[in-house]
Amino acid sequence: MLSNDLKKGDRVRLTNGWKATIADNLRGNTRMATVEGYVTETGSIYVWDIVGVELTPKQIKARDTVKAFFGA
C-alpha cells in the first residue's frame, strides 16, 4: 500500500509498536494522526514510520535525509 492510499480513519501500526488512526486525507511525507502510545495525542508522523507502507523513491530520499540530519 502506498502512503497516498491511506484515508482518514484508517488504523495503522507504527514501527515502534504503537497504534495510530489517520486524521487527514492529505498526501506527502507527513500525515496527521492520533497516536496511542504512553498517552494519546494528535500530531504529525512520517509515513516511513508506518508499518506496511511502500515508499516512493522521493520518500526514500527524504527519509534518508531526515535520518542523516537527526542522526537516527
N, C-alpha and C. Protein backbone atom coordinates (compact mmCIF):
# COMPACT_ATOMS: atom_id res chain seq x y z
N MET A 1 0.84 -1.17 0.00
CA MET A 1 0.00 0.00 0.00
C MET A 1 0.89 1.24 0.00
N LEU A 2 0.57 2.19 -0.85
CA LEU A 2 1.30 3.45 -0.88
C LEU A 2 0.74 4.39 0.19
N SER A 3 1.55 5.33 0.62
CA SER A 3 1.10 6.24 1.67
C SER A 3 -0.08 7.09 1.22
N ASN A 4 -0.17 7.37 -0.07
CA ASN A 4 -1.29 8.17 -0.57
C ASN A 4 -2.60 7.40 -0.57
N ASP A 5 -2.56 6.09 -0.38
CA ASP A 5 -3.77 5.28 -0.31
C ASP A 5 -4.41 5.31 1.08
N LEU A 6 -3.69 5.82 2.08
CA LEU A 6 -4.24 5.91 3.43
C LEU A 6 -5.29 7.01 3.49
N LYS A 7 -6.41 6.71 4.11
CA LYS A 7 -7.51 7.66 4.21
C LYS A 7 -7.81 7.96 5.67
N LYS A 8 -8.53 9.03 5.91
CA LYS A 8 -8.93 9.42 7.26
C LYS A 8 -9.70 8.27 7.91
N GLY A 9 -9.32 7.95 9.13
CA GLY A 9 -9.99 6.88 9.87
C GLY A 9 -9.28 5.54 9.78
N ASP A 10 -8.31 5.39 8.87
CA ASP A 10 -7.58 4.13 8.77
C ASP A 10 -6.73 3.91 10.02
N ARG A 11 -6.74 2.68 10.53
CA ARG A 11 -5.93 2.32 11.68
C ARG A 11 -4.63 1.73 11.17
N VAL A 12 -3.50 2.16 11.73
CA VAL A 12 -2.19 1.68 11.32
C VAL A 12 -1.36 1.36 12.54
N ARG A 13 -0.30 0.60 12.30
CA ARG A 13 0.68 0.30 13.35
C ARG A 13 1.96 1.01 12.99
N LEU A 14 2.62 1.59 13.97
CA LEU A 14 3.87 2.29 13.74
C LEU A 14 5.05 1.37 14.00
N THR A 15 6.22 1.74 13.51
CA THR A 15 7.40 0.89 13.63
C THR A 15 7.83 0.70 15.08
N ASN A 16 7.40 1.59 15.98
CA ASN A 16 7.75 1.42 17.40
C ASN A 16 6.72 0.58 18.14
N GLY A 17 5.70 0.06 17.43
CA GLY A 17 4.71 -0.81 18.03
C GLY A 17 3.42 -0.13 18.44
N TRP A 18 3.41 1.20 18.46
CA TRP A 18 2.20 1.92 18.83
C TRP A 18 1.19 1.87 17.70
N LYS A 19 -0.07 2.17 18.01
CA LYS A 19 -1.13 2.20 17.02
C LYS A 19 -1.54 3.64 16.79
N ALA A 20 -2.07 3.91 15.59
CA ALA A 20 -2.49 5.27 15.26
C ALA A 20 -3.70 5.23 14.34
N THR A 21 -4.45 6.31 14.35
CA THR A 21 -5.58 6.50 13.45
C THR A 21 -5.28 7.72 12.58
N ILE A 22 -5.30 7.53 11.27
CA ILE A 22 -5.02 8.63 10.35
C ILE A 22 -6.12 9.68 10.49
N ALA A 23 -5.71 10.96 10.58
CA ALA A 23 -6.67 12.03 10.85
C ALA A 23 -6.84 12.99 9.68
N ASP A 24 -6.24 12.68 8.51
CA ASP A 24 -6.41 13.56 7.36
C ASP A 24 -6.40 12.75 6.07
N ASN A 25 -6.70 13.38 4.96
CA ASN A 25 -6.68 12.74 3.65
C ASN A 25 -5.60 13.34 2.76
N LEU A 26 -4.59 13.95 3.37
CA LEU A 26 -3.55 14.62 2.59
C LEU A 26 -2.56 13.61 2.01
N ARG A 27 -1.64 14.12 1.22
CA ARG A 27 -0.58 13.30 0.64
C ARG A 27 0.76 13.88 1.06
N GLY A 28 1.81 13.11 0.89
CA GLY A 28 3.13 13.63 1.19
C GLY A 28 3.87 12.78 2.20
N ASN A 29 4.93 13.37 2.77
CA ASN A 29 5.80 12.65 3.68
C ASN A 29 5.30 12.60 5.11
N THR A 30 4.43 13.52 5.47
CA THR A 30 3.88 13.53 6.82
C THR A 30 2.37 13.42 6.76
N ARG A 31 1.82 12.78 7.78
CA ARG A 31 0.36 12.66 7.91
C ARG A 31 -0.03 13.03 9.32
N MET A 32 -1.21 13.57 9.48
CA MET A 32 -1.74 13.87 10.80
C MET A 32 -2.39 12.59 11.32
N ALA A 33 -2.08 12.25 12.56
CA ALA A 33 -2.61 11.01 13.13
C ALA A 33 -2.79 11.16 14.64
N THR A 34 -3.75 10.40 15.16
CA THR A 34 -3.93 10.28 16.60
C THR A 34 -3.19 9.03 17.03
N VAL A 35 -2.12 9.23 17.77
CA VAL A 35 -1.23 8.13 18.17
C VAL A 35 -1.55 7.70 19.58
N GLU A 36 -1.69 6.39 19.76
CA GLU A 36 -1.95 5.81 21.07
C GLU A 36 -0.67 5.18 21.57
N GLY A 37 0.05 5.92 22.41
CA GLY A 37 1.31 5.44 22.97
C GLY A 37 1.25 5.50 24.47
N TYR A 38 2.26 6.15 25.08
CA TYR A 38 2.21 6.36 26.53
C TYR A 38 0.98 7.19 26.87
N VAL A 39 0.69 8.15 26.02
CA VAL A 39 -0.53 8.95 26.10
C VAL A 39 -1.11 8.99 24.69
N THR A 40 -2.35 9.42 24.55
CA THR A 40 -2.98 9.55 23.25
C THR A 40 -2.96 11.02 22.85
N GLU A 41 -2.34 11.31 21.71
CA GLU A 41 -2.30 12.68 21.23
C GLU A 41 -2.27 12.71 19.71
N THR A 42 -2.68 13.84 19.16
CA THR A 42 -2.73 14.00 17.71
C THR A 42 -1.56 14.87 17.26
N GLY A 43 -0.92 14.44 16.19
CA GLY A 43 0.21 15.19 15.66
C GLY A 43 0.66 14.60 14.34
N SER A 44 1.72 15.17 13.80
CA SER A 44 2.25 14.72 12.52
C SER A 44 3.18 13.52 12.72
N ILE A 45 3.09 12.57 11.81
CA ILE A 45 4.00 11.43 11.79
C ILE A 45 4.56 11.28 10.39
N TYR A 46 5.75 10.74 10.28
CA TYR A 46 6.32 10.45 8.97
C TYR A 46 5.72 9.17 8.42
N VAL A 47 5.49 9.12 7.12
CA VAL A 47 4.90 7.93 6.52
C VAL A 47 5.83 6.73 6.61
N TRP A 48 7.13 6.96 6.68
CA TRP A 48 8.05 5.82 6.77
C TRP A 48 8.06 5.21 8.16
N ASP A 49 7.35 5.79 9.10
CA ASP A 49 7.19 5.19 10.42
C ASP A 49 5.94 4.33 10.51
N ILE A 50 5.22 4.17 9.39
CA ILE A 50 4.02 3.34 9.36
C ILE A 50 4.39 1.98 8.78
N VAL A 51 4.04 0.92 9.48
CA VAL A 51 4.35 -0.44 9.04
C VAL A 51 3.51 -0.78 7.80
N GLY A 52 4.16 -1.37 6.80
CA GLY A 52 3.45 -1.87 5.62
C GLY A 52 3.24 -0.86 4.51
N VAL A 53 3.81 0.32 4.63
CA VAL A 53 3.65 1.34 3.58
C VAL A 53 4.83 1.27 2.63
N GLU A 54 4.54 1.20 1.33
CA GLU A 54 5.59 1.25 0.31
C GLU A 54 5.99 2.69 0.09
N LEU A 55 7.27 2.95 0.04
CA LEU A 55 7.76 4.30 -0.16
C LEU A 55 8.15 4.52 -1.62
N THR A 56 7.88 5.73 -2.10
CA THR A 56 8.31 6.12 -3.44
C THR A 56 9.80 6.47 -3.36
N PRO A 57 10.48 6.53 -4.51
CA PRO A 57 11.90 6.93 -4.48
C PRO A 57 12.13 8.30 -3.82
N LYS A 58 11.22 9.25 -4.02
CA LYS A 58 11.36 10.56 -3.38
C LYS A 58 11.21 10.45 -1.86
N GLN A 59 10.31 9.59 -1.40
CA GLN A 59 10.12 9.41 0.03
C GLN A 59 11.32 8.71 0.66
N ILE A 60 11.93 7.79 -0.06
CA ILE A 60 13.14 7.12 0.44
C ILE A 60 14.26 8.14 0.60
N LYS A 61 14.40 9.03 -0.38
CA LYS A 61 15.42 10.07 -0.31
C LYS A 61 15.15 11.00 0.87
N ALA A 62 13.89 11.39 1.06
CA ALA A 62 13.53 12.27 2.18
C ALA A 62 13.79 11.58 3.51
N ARG A 63 13.45 10.29 3.60
CA ARG A 63 13.69 9.53 4.84
C ARG A 63 15.18 9.51 5.17
N ASP A 64 16.00 9.23 4.17
CA ASP A 64 17.44 9.17 4.40
C ASP A 64 18.00 10.54 4.81
N THR A 65 17.47 11.61 4.22
CA THR A 65 17.90 12.96 4.58
C THR A 65 17.52 13.28 6.02
N VAL A 66 16.30 12.96 6.41
CA VAL A 66 15.85 13.22 7.78
C VAL A 66 16.66 12.41 8.78
N LYS A 67 16.91 11.15 8.47
CA LYS A 67 17.70 10.31 9.37
C LYS A 67 19.13 10.81 9.49
N ALA A 68 19.71 11.29 8.39
CA ALA A 68 21.07 11.83 8.44
C ALA A 68 21.12 13.11 9.27
N PHE A 69 20.09 13.94 9.14
CA PHE A 69 20.04 15.20 9.86
C PHE A 69 19.87 14.99 11.37
N PHE A 70 18.99 14.08 11.74
CA PHE A 70 18.71 13.85 13.15
C PHE A 70 19.55 12.75 13.76
N GLY A 71 20.37 12.08 12.96
CA GLY A 71 21.27 11.07 13.48
C GLY A 71 20.61 9.80 13.96
N ALA A 72 19.63 9.34 13.23
CA ALA A 72 18.91 8.13 13.66
C ALA A 72 19.60 6.89 13.22
